[in-house]
């Protein structure tokens, strides 16, 4: 065996991210109801249009302006992607790194989808 595969409990990690998002929003006096609406729209976009569209949408919501709703969401998603067990992102949270990472994730997902389609 080449290496030991590590497991991650995504439900638990997502719950932690959710708690962090709410905590940061409260600390920055952001309106929780508006944040919930942004999260719901973001999830709809990721489901309908994919991971890169999700990034573009949050970028349009000031994802790189400190303490904005978009910033709090995307920064916490970045932390999840950098999780030592997932290792889907490297580098610091900045526009260039985040955009490059989401582009690569999108390309990788497209390649996996094509491979699955070819197997059928």
PDB file of N, CA and C in Angstrom:
ATOM      1  N   UNK A   1       0.845  -1.167   0.000  1.00  0.00           N
ATOM      2  CA  UNK A   1       0.000   0.000   0.000  1.00  0.00           C
ATOM      3  C   UNK A   1       0.901   1.244   0.000  1.00  0.00           C
ATOM      4  N   UNK A   2       0.584   2.198  -0.871  1.00  0.00           N
ATOM      5  CA  UNK A   2       1.398   3.394  -1.030  1.00  0.00           C
ATOM      6  C   UNK A   2       1.288   4.318   0.161  1.00  0.00           C
ATOM      7  N   UNK A   3       0.105   4.605   0.599  1.00  0.00           N
ATOM      8  CA  UNK A   3      -0.088   5.535   1.712  1.00  0.00           C
ATOM      9  C   UNK A   3      -1.415   5.287   2.386  1.00  0.00           C
ATOM     10  N   UNK A   4      -1.501   5.708   3.608  1.00  0.00           N
ATOM     11  CA  UNK A   4      -2.747   5.544   4.358  1.00  0.00           C
ATOM     12  C   UNK A   4      -3.713   6.661   3.991  1.00  0.00           C
ATOM     13  N   UNK A   5      -4.914   6.283   3.646  1.00  0.00           N
ATOM     14  CA  UNK A   5      -5.939   7.257   3.288  1.00  0.00           C
ATOM     15  C   UNK A   5      -6.579   7.807   4.556  1.00  0.00           C
ATOM     16  N   UNK A   6      -6.599   9.115   4.667  1.00  0.00           N
ATOM     17  CA  UNK A   6      -7.232   9.721   5.833  1.00  0.00           C
ATOM     18  C   UNK A   6      -8.662  10.099   5.489  1.00  0.00           C
ATOM     19  N   UNK A   7      -9.500  10.046   6.485  1.00  0.00           N
ATOM     20  CA  UNK A   7     -10.907  10.373   6.298  1.00  0.00           C
ATOM     21  C   UNK A   7     -11.220  11.704   6.953  1.00  0.00           C
ATOM     22  N   UNK A   8     -12.243  12.332   6.412  1.00  0.00           N
ATOM     23  CA  UNK A   8     -12.704  13.590   6.989  1.00  0.00           C
ATOM     24  C   UNK A   8     -14.225  13.522   7.108  1.00  0.00           C
ATOM     25  N   UNK A   9     -14.723  13.971   8.218  1.00  0.00           N
ATOM     26  CA  UNK A   9     -16.164  14.035   8.423  1.00  0.00           C
ATOM     27  C   UNK A   9     -16.630  15.398   7.897  1.00  0.00           C
ATOM     28  N   UNK A  10     -17.084  15.423   6.649  1.00  0.00           N
ATOM     29  CA  UNK A  10     -17.472  16.695   6.029  1.00  0.00           C
ATOM     30  C   UNK A  10     -18.646  17.351   6.729  1.00  0.00           C
ATOM     31  N   UNK A  11     -19.572  16.546   7.235  1.00  0.00           N
ATOM     32  CA  UNK A  11     -20.709  17.125   7.974  1.00  0.00           C
ATOM     33  C   UNK A  11     -20.211  17.917   9.176  1.00  0.00           C
ATOM     34  N   UNK A  12     -19.286  17.331   9.912  1.00  0.00           N
ATOM     35  CA  UNK A  12     -18.745  18.001  11.084  1.00  0.00           C
ATOM     36  C   UNK A  12     -17.964  19.255  10.693  1.00  0.00           C
ATOM     37  N   UNK A  13     -17.133  19.142   9.662  1.00  0.00           N
ATOM     38  CA  UNK A  13     -16.341  20.295   9.222  1.00  0.00           C
ATOM     39  C   UNK A  13     -17.242  21.428   8.713  1.00  0.00           C
ATOM     40  N   UNK A  14     -18.296  21.085   7.983  1.00  0.00           N
ATOM     41  CA  UNK A  14     -19.232  22.102   7.492  1.00  0.00           C
ATOM     42  C   UNK A  14     -19.991  22.752   8.650  1.00  0.00           C
ATOM     43  N   UNK A  15     -20.324  21.965   9.655  1.00  0.00           N
ATOM     44  CA  UNK A  15     -20.993  22.524  10.841  1.00  0.00           C
ATOM     45  C   UNK A  15     -20.075  23.527  11.542  1.00  0.00           C
ATOM     46  N   UNK A  16     -18.788  23.182  11.649  1.00  0.00           N
ATOM     47  CA  UNK A  16     -17.818  24.106  12.259  1.00  0.00           C
ATOM     48  C   UNK A  16     -17.717  25.395  11.441  1.00  0.00           C
ATOM     49  N   UNK A  17     -17.674  25.258  10.134  1.00  0.00           N
ATOM     50  CA  UNK A  17     -17.594  26.432   9.252  1.00  0.00           C
ATOM     51  C   UNK A  17     -18.841  27.293   9.448  1.00  0.00           C
ATOM     52  N   UNK A  18     -20.000  26.663   9.505  1.00  0.00           N
ATOM     53  CA  UNK A  18     -21.246  27.400   9.725  1.00  0.00           C
ATOM     54  C   UNK A  18     -21.223  28.183  11.033  1.00  0.00           C
ATOM     55  N   UNK A  19     -20.733  27.548  12.083  1.00  0.00           N
ATOM     56  CA  UNK A  19     -20.622  28.231  13.371  1.00  0.00           C
ATOM     57  C   UNK A  19     -19.662  29.415  13.277  1.00  0.00           C
ATOM     58  N   UNK A  20     -18.538  29.218  12.592  1.00  0.00           N
ATOM     59  CA  UNK A  20     -17.568  30.306  12.426  1.00  0.00           C
ATOM     60  C   UNK A  20     -18.169  31.477  11.658  1.00  0.00           C
ATOM     61  N   UNK A  21     -18.919  31.180  10.619  1.00  0.00           N
ATOM     62  CA  UNK A  21     -19.532  32.232   9.806  1.00  0.00           C
ATOM     63  C   UNK A  21     -20.479  33.069  10.663  1.00  0.00           C
ATOM     64  N   UNK A  22     -21.348  32.405  11.415  1.00  0.00           N
ATOM     65  CA  UNK A  22     -22.307  33.118  12.263  1.00  0.00           C
ATOM     66  C   UNK A  22     -21.581  33.910  13.346  1.00  0.00           C
ATOM     67  N   UNK A  23     -20.585  33.308  13.956  1.00  0.00           N
ATOM     68  CA  UNK A  23     -19.827  33.985  15.002  1.00  0.00           C
ATOM     69  C   UNK A  23     -19.144  35.248  14.481  1.00  0.00           C
ATOM     70  N   UNK A  24     -18.496  35.135  13.321  1.00  0.00           N
ATOM     71  CA  UNK A  24     -17.829  36.299  12.724  1.00  0.00           C
ATOM     72  C   UNK A  24     -18.837  37.372  12.321  1.00  0.00           C
ATOM     73  N   UNK A  25     -19.972  36.950  11.799  1.00  0.00           N
ATOM     74  CA  UNK A  25     -21.004  37.909  11.399  1.00  0.00           C
ATOM     75  C   UNK A  25     -21.512  38.692  12.604  1.00  0.00           C
ATOM     76  N   UNK A  26     -21.765  37.985  13.696  1.00  0.00           N
ATOM     77  CA  UNK A  26     -22.232  38.656  14.909  1.00  0.00           C
ATOM     78  C   UNK A  26     -21.169  39.608  15.442  1.00  0.00           C
ATOM     79  N   UNK A  27     -19.917  39.170  15.425  1.00  0.00           N
ATOM     80  CA  UNK A  27     -18.811  39.992  15.915  1.00  0.00           C
ATOM     81  C   UNK A  27     -18.683  41.285  15.109  1.00  0.00           C
ATOM     82  N   UNK A  28     -19.035  41.216  13.822  1.00  0.00           N
ATOM     83  CA  UNK A  28     -18.933  42.379  12.944  1.00  0.00           C
ATOM     84  C   UNK A  28     -20.265  43.092  12.743  1.00  0.00           C
ATOM     85  N   UNK A  29     -21.245  42.759  13.595  1.00  0.00           N
ATOM     86  CA  UNK A  29     -22.561  43.405  13.574  1.00  0.00           C
ATOM     87  C   UNK A  29     -23.246  43.334  12.209  1.00  0.00           C
ATOM     88  N   UNK A  30     -23.094  42.204  11.528  1.00  0.00           N
ATOM     89  CA  UNK A  30     -23.774  42.009  10.248  1.00  0.00           C
ATOM     90  C   UNK A  30     -25.171  41.440  10.506  1.00  0.00           C
ATOM     91  N   UNK A  31     -26.068  41.713   9.597  1.00  0.00           N
ATOM     92  CA  UNK A  31     -27.440  41.232   9.732  1.00  0.00           C
ATOM     93  C   UNK A  31     -27.496  39.747   9.364  1.00  0.00           C
ATOM     94  N   UNK A  32     -27.865  38.931  10.329  1.00  0.00           N
ATOM     95  CA  UNK A  32     -27.856  37.477  10.167  1.00  0.00           C
ATOM     96  C   UNK A  32     -28.847  37.034   9.090  1.00  0.00           C
ATOM     97  N   UNK A  33     -30.010  37.656   9.044  1.00  0.00           N
ATOM     98  CA  UNK A  33     -31.019  37.275   8.040  1.00  0.00           C
ATOM     99  C   UNK A  33     -30.481  37.518   6.625  1.00  0.00           C
ATOM    100  N   UNK A  34     -29.806  38.645   6.413  1.00  0.00           N
ATOM    101  CA  UNK A  34     -29.210  38.932   5.106  1.00  0.00           C
ATOM    102  C   UNK A  34     -28.105  37.925   4.788  1.00  0.00           C
ATOM    103  N   UNK A  35     -27.335  37.544   5.790  1.00  0.00           N
ATOM    104  CA  UNK A  35     -26.285  36.550   5.615  1.00  0.00           C
ATOM    105  C   UNK A  35     -26.885  35.200   5.226  1.00  0.00           C
ATOM    106  N   UNK A  36     -27.962  34.817   5.888  1.00  0.00           N
ATOM    107  CA  UNK A  36     -28.641  33.561   5.559  1.00  0.00           C
ATOM    108  C   UNK A  36     -29.120  33.571   4.108  1.00  0.00           C
ATOM    109  N   UNK A  37     -29.666  34.698   3.671  1.00  0.00           N
ATOM    110  CA  UNK A  37     -30.132  34.818   2.287  1.00  0.00           C
ATOM    111  C   UNK A  37     -28.967  34.673   1.321  1.00  0.00           C
ATOM    112  N   UNK A  38     -27.836  35.296   1.626  1.00  0.00           N
ATOM    113  CA  UNK A  38     -26.652  35.189   0.773  1.00  0.00           C
ATOM    114  C   UNK A  38     -26.147  33.746   0.722  1.00  0.00           C
ATOM    115  N   UNK A  39     -26.159  33.069   1.845  1.00  0.00           N
ATOM    116  CA  UNK A  39     -25.734  31.666   1.878  1.00  0.00           C
ATOM    117  C   UNK A  39     -26.664  30.806   1.037  1.00  0.00           C
ATOM    118  N   UNK A  40     -27.975  31.008   1.170  1.00  0.00           N
ATOM    119  CA  UNK A  40     -28.943  30.228   0.388  1.00  0.00           C
ATOM    120  C   UNK A  40     -28.753  30.462  -1.106  1.00  0.00           C
ATOM    121  N   UNK A  41     -28.567  31.722  -1.504  1.00  0.00           N
ATOM    122  CA  UNK A  41     -28.338  32.022  -2.920  1.00  0.00           C
ATOM    123  C   UNK A  41     -27.035  31.389  -3.400  1.00  0.00           C
ATOM    124  N   UNK A  42     -26.003  31.450  -2.562  1.00  0.00           N
ATOM    125  CA  UNK A  42     -24.709  30.867  -2.913  1.00  0.00           C
ATOM    126  C   UNK A  42     -24.824  29.358  -3.120  1.00  0.00           C
ATOM    127  N   UNK A  43     -25.556  28.696  -2.243  1.00  0.00           N
ATOM    128  CA  UNK A  43     -25.739  27.249  -2.378  1.00  0.00           C
ATOM    129  C   UNK A  43     -26.532  26.902  -3.637  1.00  0.00           C
ATOM    130  N   UNK A  44     -27.520  27.726  -3.961  1.00  0.00           N
ATOM    131  CA  UNK A  44     -28.281  27.519  -5.199  1.00  0.00           C
ATOM    132  C   UNK A  44     -27.388  27.669  -6.416  1.00  0.00           C
ATOM    133  N   UNK A  45     -26.497  28.628  -6.383  1.00  0.00           N
ATOM    134  CA  UNK A  45     -25.583  28.850  -7.510  1.00  0.00           C
ATOM    135  C   UNK A  45     -24.610  27.691  -7.652  1.00  0.00           C
ATOM    136  N   UNK A  46     -24.068  27.209  -6.549  1.00  0.00           N
ATOM    137  CA  UNK A  46     -23.128  26.096  -6.640  1.00  0.00           C
ATOM    138  C   UNK A  46     -23.826  24.847  -7.183  1.00  0.00           C
ATOM    139  N   UNK A  47     -25.074  24.667  -6.797  1.00  0.00           N
ATOM    140  CA  UNK A  47     -25.837  23.504  -7.260  1.00  0.00           C
ATOM    141  C   UNK A  47     -26.182  23.610  -8.746  1.00  0.00           C
ATOM    142  N   UNK A  48     -26.616  24.774  -9.172  1.00  0.00           N
ATOM    143  CA  UNK A  48     -27.071  24.961 -10.552  1.00  0.00           C
ATOM    144  C   UNK A  48     -25.944  25.248 -11.543  1.00  0.00           C
ATOM    145  N   UNK A  49     -24.960  26.042 -11.110  1.00  0.00           N
ATOM    146  CA  UNK A  49     -23.957  26.551 -12.046  1.00  0.00           C
ATOM    147  C   UNK A  49     -22.535  26.106 -11.762  1.00  0.00           C
ATOM    148  N   UNK A  50     -22.293  25.515 -10.605  1.00  0.00           N
ATOM    149  CA  UNK A  50     -20.973  24.973 -10.322  1.00  0.00           C
ATOM    150  C   UNK A  50     -20.125  25.802  -9.383  1.00  0.00           C
ATOM    151  N   UNK A  51     -18.966  25.230  -9.083  1.00  0.00           N
ATOM    152  CA  UNK A  51     -18.081  25.775  -8.067  1.00  0.00           C
ATOM    153  C   UNK A  51     -17.485  27.122  -8.462  1.00  0.00           C
ATOM    154  N   UNK A  52     -17.158  27.297  -9.736  1.00  0.00           N
ATOM    155  CA  UNK A  52     -16.548  28.558 -10.140  1.00  0.00           C
ATOM    156  C   UNK A  52     -17.578  29.694 -10.109  1.00  0.00           C
ATOM    157  N   UNK A  53     -18.805  29.404 -10.517  1.00  0.00           N
ATOM    158  CA  UNK A  53     -19.873  30.409 -10.450  1.00  0.00           C
ATOM    159  C   UNK A  53     -20.130  30.819  -9.002  1.00  0.00           C
ATOM    160  N   UNK A  54     -20.028  29.867  -8.092  1.00  0.00           N
ATOM    161  CA  UNK A  54     -20.146  30.136  -6.661  1.00  0.00           C
ATOM    162  C   UNK A  54     -19.101  31.162  -6.242  1.00  0.00           C
ATOM    163  N   UNK A  55     -17.858  30.952  -6.665  1.00  0.00           N
ATOM    164  CA  UNK A  55     -16.781  31.889  -6.350  1.00  0.00           C
ATOM    165  C   UNK A  55     -17.060  33.270  -6.955  1.00  0.00           C
ATOM    166  N   UNK A  56     -17.446  33.309  -8.224  1.00  0.00           N
ATOM    167  CA  UNK A  56     -17.695  34.589  -8.901  1.00  0.00           C
ATOM    168  C   UNK A  56     -18.825  35.349  -8.202  1.00  0.00           C
ATOM    169  N   UNK A  57     -19.863  34.626  -7.802  1.00  0.00           N
ATOM    170  CA  UNK A  57     -20.981  35.265  -7.115  1.00  0.00           C
ATOM    171  C   UNK A  57     -20.514  35.892  -5.802  1.00  0.00           C
ATOM    172  N   UNK A  58     -19.767  35.130  -5.005  1.00  0.00           N
ATOM    173  CA  UNK A  58     -19.296  35.687  -3.734  1.00  0.00           C
ATOM    174  C   UNK A  58     -18.308  36.828  -3.954  1.00  0.00           C
ATOM    175  N   UNK A  59     -17.514  36.737  -5.004  1.00  0.00           N
ATOM    176  CA  UNK A  59     -16.602  37.838  -5.335  1.00  0.00           C
ATOM    177  C   UNK A  59     -17.410  39.103  -5.617  1.00  0.00           C
ATOM    178  N   UNK A  60     -18.541  38.942  -6.285  1.00  0.00           N
ATOM    179  CA  UNK A  60     -19.390  40.104  -6.583  1.00  0.00           C
ATOM    180  C   UNK A  60     -20.031  40.675  -5.313  1.00  0.00           C
ATOM    181  N   UNK A  61     -20.000  39.896  -4.256  1.00  0.00           N
ATOM    182  CA  UNK A  61     -20.550  40.335  -2.965  1.00  0.00           C
ATOM    183  C   UNK A  61     -19.422  40.760  -2.022  1.00  0.00           C
ATOM    184  N   UNK A  62     -18.392  41.346  -2.592  1.00  0.00           N
ATOM    185  CA  UNK A  62     -17.273  41.913  -1.821  1.00  0.00           C
ATOM    186  C   UNK A  62     -16.495  40.879  -1.026  1.00  0.00           C
ATOM    187  N   UNK A  63     -16.224  39.738  -1.620  1.00  0.00           N
ATOM    188  CA  UNK A  63     -15.527  38.658  -0.917  1.00  0.00           C
ATOM    189  C   UNK A  63     -14.113  39.021  -0.479  1.00  0.00           C
ATOM    190  N   UNK A  64     -13.557  40.072  -1.045  1.00  0.00           N
ATOM    191  CA  UNK A  64     -12.199  40.444  -0.656  1.00  0.00           C
ATOM    192  C   UNK A  64     -12.155  41.769   0.104  1.00  0.00           C
ATOM    193  N   UNK A  65     -13.332  42.243   0.534  1.00  0.00           N
ATOM    194  CA  UNK A  65     -13.401  43.413   1.418  1.00  0.00           C
ATOM    195  C   UNK A  65     -13.578  42.888   2.841  1.00  0.00           C
ATOM    196  N   UNK A  66     -12.637  43.200   3.680  1.00  0.00           N
ATOM    197  CA  UNK A  66     -12.611  42.677   5.047  1.00  0.00           C
ATOM    198  C   UNK A  66     -13.950  42.877   5.752  1.00  0.00           C
ATOM    199  N   UNK A  67     -14.417  41.806   6.392  1.00  0.00           N
ATOM    200  CA  UNK A  67     -15.621  41.777   7.231  1.00  0.00           C
ATOM    201  C   UNK A  67     -16.937  41.955   6.482  1.00  0.00           C
ATOM    202  N   UNK A  68     -16.924  41.836   5.159  1.00  0.00           N
ATOM    203  CA  UNK A  68     -18.196  41.829   4.430  1.00  0.00           C
ATOM    204  C   UNK A  68     -18.808  40.433   4.540  1.00  0.00           C
ATOM    205  N   UNK A  69     -20.079  40.320   4.212  1.00  0.00           N
ATOM    206  CA  UNK A  69     -20.731  39.009   4.261  1.00  0.00           C
ATOM    207  C   UNK A  69     -20.055  38.022   3.311  1.00  0.00           C
ATOM    208  N   UNK A  70     -19.791  38.467   2.089  1.00  0.00           N
ATOM    209  CA  UNK A  70     -19.124  37.601   1.112  1.00  0.00           C
ATOM    210  C   UNK A  70     -17.746  37.178   1.581  1.00  0.00           C
ATOM    211  N   UNK A  71     -17.035  38.103   2.226  1.00  0.00           N
ATOM    212  CA  UNK A  71     -15.701  37.811   2.746  1.00  0.00           C
ATOM    213  C   UNK A  71     -15.759  36.736   3.822  1.00  0.00           C
ATOM    214  N   UNK A  72     -16.691  36.879   4.723  1.00  0.00           N
ATOM    215  CA  UNK A  72     -16.803  35.918   5.821  1.00  0.00           C
ATOM    216  C   UNK A  72     -17.129  34.526   5.291  1.00  0.00           C
ATOM    217  N   UNK A  73     -18.014  34.436   4.336  1.00  0.00           N
ATOM    218  CA  UNK A  73     -18.373  33.134   3.768  1.00  0.00           C
ATOM    219  C   UNK A  73     -17.189  32.533   3.019  1.00  0.00           C
ATOM    220  N   UNK A  74     -16.632  33.271   2.065  1.00  0.00           N
ATOM    221  CA  UNK A  74     -15.581  32.711   1.216  1.00  0.00           C
ATOM    222  C   UNK A  74     -14.306  32.419   2.015  1.00  0.00           C
ATOM    223  N   UNK A  75     -13.980  33.259   2.969  1.00  0.00           N
ATOM    224  CA  UNK A  75     -12.794  33.031   3.795  1.00  0.00           C
ATOM    225  C   UNK A  75     -12.933  31.718   4.578  1.00  0.00           C
ATOM    226  N   UNK A  76     -14.132  31.432   5.059  1.00  0.00           N
ATOM    227  CA  UNK A  76     -14.348  30.188   5.792  1.00  0.00           C
ATOM    228  C   UNK A  76     -14.374  28.979   4.863  1.00  0.00           C
ATOM    229  N   UNK A  77     -14.894  29.137   3.666  1.00  0.00           N
ATOM    230  CA  UNK A  77     -14.832  28.059   2.677  1.00  0.00           C
ATOM    231  C   UNK A  77     -13.365  27.786   2.336  1.00  0.00           C
ATOM    232  N   UNK A  78     -12.563  28.843   2.226  1.00  0.00           N
ATOM    233  CA  UNK A  78     -11.129  28.704   1.960  1.00  0.00           C
ATOM    234  C   UNK A  78     -10.456  27.869   3.053  1.00  0.00           C
ATOM    235  N   UNK A  79     -10.835  28.129   4.313  1.00  0.00           N
ATOM    236  CA  UNK A  79     -10.282  27.354   5.425  1.00  0.00           C
ATOM    237  C   UNK A  79     -10.633  25.876   5.275  1.00  0.00           C
ATOM    238  N   UNK A  80     -11.856  25.590   4.844  1.00  0.00           N
ATOM    239  CA  UNK A  80     -12.264  24.206   4.633  1.00  0.00           C
ATOM    240  C   UNK A  80     -11.448  23.569   3.516  1.00  0.00           C
ATOM    241  N   UNK A  81     -11.270  24.283   2.419  1.00  0.00           N
ATOM    242  CA  UNK A  81     -10.498  23.747   1.301  1.00  0.00           C
ATOM    243  C   UNK A  81      -9.042  23.495   1.680  1.00  0.00           C
ATOM    244  N   UNK A  82      -8.527  24.284   2.611  1.00  0.00           N
ATOM    245  CA  UNK A  82      -7.143  24.123   3.061  1.00  0.00           C
ATOM    246  C   UNK A  82      -7.005  23.056   4.148  1.00  0.00           C
ATOM    247  N   UNK A  83      -8.111  22.490   4.603  1.00  0.00           N
ATOM    248  CA  UNK A  83      -8.080  21.471   5.655  1.00  0.00           C
ATOM    249  C   UNK A  83      -7.000  20.447   5.330  1.00  0.00           C
ATOM    250  N   UNK A  84      -6.229  20.073   6.344  1.00  0.00           N
ATOM    251  CA  UNK A  84      -5.091  19.174   6.129  1.00  0.00           C
ATOM    252  C   UNK A  84      -5.484  17.825   5.541  1.00  0.00           C
ATOM    253  N   UNK A  85      -6.723  17.416   5.712  1.00  0.00           N
ATOM    254  CA  UNK A  85      -7.173  16.150   5.135  1.00  0.00           C
ATOM    255  C   UNK A  85      -7.689  16.327   3.712  1.00  0.00           C
ATOM    256  N   UNK A  86      -8.255  17.479   3.396  1.00  0.00           N
ATOM    257  CA  UNK A  86      -8.751  17.735   2.042  1.00  0.00           C
ATOM    258  C   UNK A  86      -7.631  18.189   1.108  1.00  0.00           C
ATOM    259  N   UNK A  87      -6.871  19.162   1.556  1.00  0.00           N
ATOM    260  CA  UNK A  87      -5.754  19.717   0.783  1.00  0.00           C
ATOM    261  C   UNK A  87      -6.173  20.119  -0.635  1.00  0.00           C
ATOM    262  N   UNK A  88      -7.287  20.822  -0.738  1.00  0.00           N
ATOM    263  CA  UNK A  88      -7.772  21.293  -2.038  1.00  0.00           C
ATOM    264  C   UNK A  88      -7.298  22.703  -2.355  1.00  0.00           C
ATOM    265  N   UNK A  89      -6.674  23.352  -1.390  1.00  0.00           N
ATOM    266  CA  UNK A  89      -6.175  24.714  -1.595  1.00  0.00           C
ATOM    267  C   UNK A  89      -4.871  24.878  -0.831  1.00  0.00           C
ATOM    268  N   UNK A  90      -4.012  25.710  -1.390  1.00  0.00           N
ATOM    269  CA  UNK A  90      -2.782  26.079  -0.716  1.00  0.00           C
ATOM    270  C   UNK A  90      -2.639  27.593  -0.819  1.00  0.00           C
ATOM    271  N   UNK A  91      -1.746  28.131  -0.061  1.00  0.00           N
ATOM    272  CA  UNK A  91      -1.511  29.560  -0.158  1.00  0.00           C
ATOM    273  C   UNK A  91      -2.400  30.360   0.767  1.00  0.00           C
ATOM    274  N   UNK A  92      -2.254  31.651   0.638  1.00  0.00           N
ATOM    275  CA  UNK A  92      -2.977  32.588   1.493  1.00  0.00           C
ATOM    276  C   UNK A  92      -4.298  32.990   0.848  1.00  0.00           C
ATOM    277  N   UNK A  93      -5.193  33.514   1.684  1.00  0.00           N
ATOM    278  CA  UNK A  93      -6.476  34.001   1.199  1.00  0.00           C
ATOM    279  C   UNK A  93      -6.263  35.362   0.543  1.00  0.00           C
ATOM    280  N   UNK A  94      -6.140  35.339  -0.765  1.00  0.00           N
ATOM    281  CA  UNK A  94      -6.092  36.570  -1.545  1.00  0.00           C
ATOM    282  C   UNK A  94      -6.736  36.280  -2.893  1.00  0.00           C
ATOM    283  N   UNK A  95      -7.104  37.322  -3.588  1.00  0.00           N
ATOM    284  CA  UNK A  95      -7.906  37.160  -4.801  1.00  0.00           C
ATOM    285  C   UNK A  95      -7.250  36.241  -5.828  1.00  0.00           C
ATOM    286  N   UNK A  96      -5.971  36.401  -6.058  1.00  0.00           N
ATOM    287  CA  UNK A  96      -5.282  35.589  -7.065  1.00  0.00           C
ATOM    288  C   UNK A  96      -5.273  34.108  -6.676  1.00  0.00           C
ATOM    289  N   UNK A  97      -4.881  33.802  -5.453  1.00  0.00           N
ATOM    290  CA  UNK A  97      -4.823  32.406  -4.997  1.00  0.00           C
ATOM    291  C   UNK A  97      -6.201  31.748  -5.027  1.00  0.00           C
ATOM    292  N   UNK A  98      -7.191  32.474  -4.529  1.00  0.00           N
ATOM    293  CA  UNK A  98      -8.540  31.916  -4.452  1.00  0.00           C
ATOM    294  C   UNK A  98      -9.090  31.676  -5.852  1.00  0.00           C
ATOM    295  N   UNK A  99      -8.937  32.650  -6.741  1.00  0.00           N
ATOM    296  CA  UNK A  99      -9.447  32.475  -8.103  1.00  0.00           C
ATOM    297  C   UNK A  99      -8.763  31.304  -8.806  1.00  0.00           C
ATOM    298  N   UNK A 100      -7.447  31.204  -8.700  1.00  0.00           N
ATOM    299  CA  UNK A 100      -6.724  30.084  -9.319  1.00  0.00           C
ATOM    300  C   UNK A 100      -7.194  28.744  -8.777  1.00  0.00           C
ATOM    301  N   UNK A 101      -7.399  28.683  -7.481  1.00  0.00           N
ATOM    302  CA  UNK A 101      -7.847  27.435  -6.860  1.00  0.00           C
ATOM    303  C   UNK A 101      -9.235  27.044  -7.356  1.00  0.00           C
ATOM    304  N   UNK A 102     -10.158  27.993  -7.415  1.00  0.00           N
ATOM    305  CA  UNK A 102     -11.507  27.663  -7.871  1.00  0.00           C
ATOM    306  C   UNK A 102     -11.513  27.286  -9.354  1.00  0.00           C
ATOM    307  N   UNK A 103     -10.667  27.890 -10.162  1.00  0.00           N
ATOM    308  CA  UNK A 103     -10.550  27.501 -11.569  1.00  0.00           C
ATOM    309  C   UNK A 103     -10.076  26.053 -11.673  1.00  0.00           C
ATOM    310  N   UNK A 104      -9.061  25.700 -10.902  1.00  0.00           N
ATOM    311  CA  UNK A 104      -8.532  24.331 -10.929  1.00  0.00           C
ATOM    312  C   UNK A 104      -9.560  23.327 -10.429  1.00  0.00           C
ATOM    313  N   UNK A 105     -10.276  23.677  -9.368  1.00  0.00           N
ATOM    314  CA  UNK A 105     -11.327  22.782  -8.866  1.00  0.00           C
ATOM    315  C   UNK A 105     -12.379  22.536  -9.936  1.00  0.00           C
ATOM    316  N   UNK A 106     -12.760  23.587 -10.632  1.00  0.00           N
ATOM    317  CA  UNK A 106     -13.763  23.477 -11.694  1.00  0.00           C
ATOM    318  C   UNK A 106     -13.259  22.565 -12.807  1.00  0.00           C
ATOM    319  N   UNK A 107     -12.026  22.763 -13.234  1.00  0.00           N
ATOM    320  CA  UNK A 107     -11.441  21.925 -14.291  1.00  0.00           C
ATOM    321  C   UNK A 107     -11.362  20.469 -13.849  1.00  0.00           C
ATOM    322  N   UNK A 108     -10.937  20.232 -12.615  1.00  0.00           N
ATOM    323  CA  UNK A 108     -10.839  18.861 -12.110  1.00  0.00           C
ATOM    324  C   UNK A 108     -12.201  18.187 -12.064  1.00  0.00           C
ATOM    325  N   UNK A 109     -13.225  18.911 -11.625  1.00  0.00           N
ATOM    326  CA  UNK A 109     -14.572  18.345 -11.585  1.00  0.00           C
ATOM    327  C   UNK A 109     -15.078  18.021 -12.988  1.00  0.00           C
ATOM    328  N   UNK A 110     -14.798  18.902 -13.947  1.00  0.00           N
ATOM    329  CA  UNK A 110     -15.205  18.640 -15.334  1.00  0.00           C
ATOM    330  C   UNK A 110     -14.514  17.393 -15.873  1.00  0.00           C
ATOM    331  N   UNK A 111     -13.228  17.243 -15.586  1.00  0.00           N
ATOM    332  CA  UNK A 111     -12.487  16.071 -16.053  1.00  0.00           C
ATOM    333  C   UNK A 111     -13.023  14.791 -15.434  1.00  0.00           C
ATOM    334  N   UNK A 112     -13.350  14.835 -14.141  1.00  0.00           N
ATOM    335  CA  UNK A 112     -13.927  13.656 -13.475  1.00  0.00           C
ATOM    336  C   UNK A 112     -15.297  13.316 -14.069  1.00  0.00           C
ATOM    337  N   UNK A 113     -16.097  14.329 -14.340  1.00  0.00           N
ATOM    338  CA  UNK A 113     -17.426  14.088 -14.915  1.00  0.00           C
ATOM    339  C   UNK A 113     -17.302  13.463 -16.300  1.00  0.00           C
ATOM    340  N   UNK A 114     -16.356  13.932 -17.111  1.00  0.00           N
ATOM    341  CA  UNK A 114     -16.135  13.343 -18.429  1.00  0.00           C
ATOM    342  C   UNK A 114     -15.694  11.893 -18.323  1.00  0.00           C
ATOM    343  N   UNK A 115     -14.791  11.609 -17.401  1.00  0.00           N
ATOM    344  CA  UNK A 115     -14.304  10.247 -17.206  1.00  0.00           C
ATOM    345  C   UNK A 115     -15.427   9.317 -16.787  1.00  0.00           C
ATOM    346  N   UNK A 116     -16.295   9.798 -15.899  1.00  0.00           N
ATOM    347  CA  UNK A 116     -17.432   8.977 -15.470  1.00  0.00           C
ATOM    348  C   UNK A 116     -18.370   8.718 -16.642  1.00  0.00           C
ATOM    349  N   UNK A 117     -18.614   9.747 -17.447  1.00  0.00           N
ATOM    350  CA  UNK A 117     -19.480   9.612 -18.623  1.00  0.00           C
ATOM    351  C   UNK A 117     -18.914   8.608 -19.620  1.00  0.00           C
ATOM    352  N   UNK A 118     -17.617   8.586 -19.784  1.00  0.00           N
ATOM    353  CA  UNK A 118     -16.979   7.655 -20.709  1.00  0.00           C
ATOM    354  C   UNK A 118     -17.040   6.220 -20.232  1.00  0.00           C
ATOM    355  N   UNK A 119     -17.150   6.022 -18.920  1.00  0.00           N
ATOM    356  CA  UNK A 119     -17.215   4.675 -18.357  1.00  0.00           C
ATOM    357  C   UNK A 119     -18.567   4.028 -18.560  1.00  0.00           C
ATOM    358  N   UNK A 120     -19.588   4.842 -18.787  1.00  0.00           N
ATOM    359  CA  UNK A 120     -20.966   4.297 -18.918  1.00  0.00           C
ATOM    360  C   UNK A 120     -21.182   3.669 -20.254  1.00  0.00           C
TER     361      UNK A 120
END
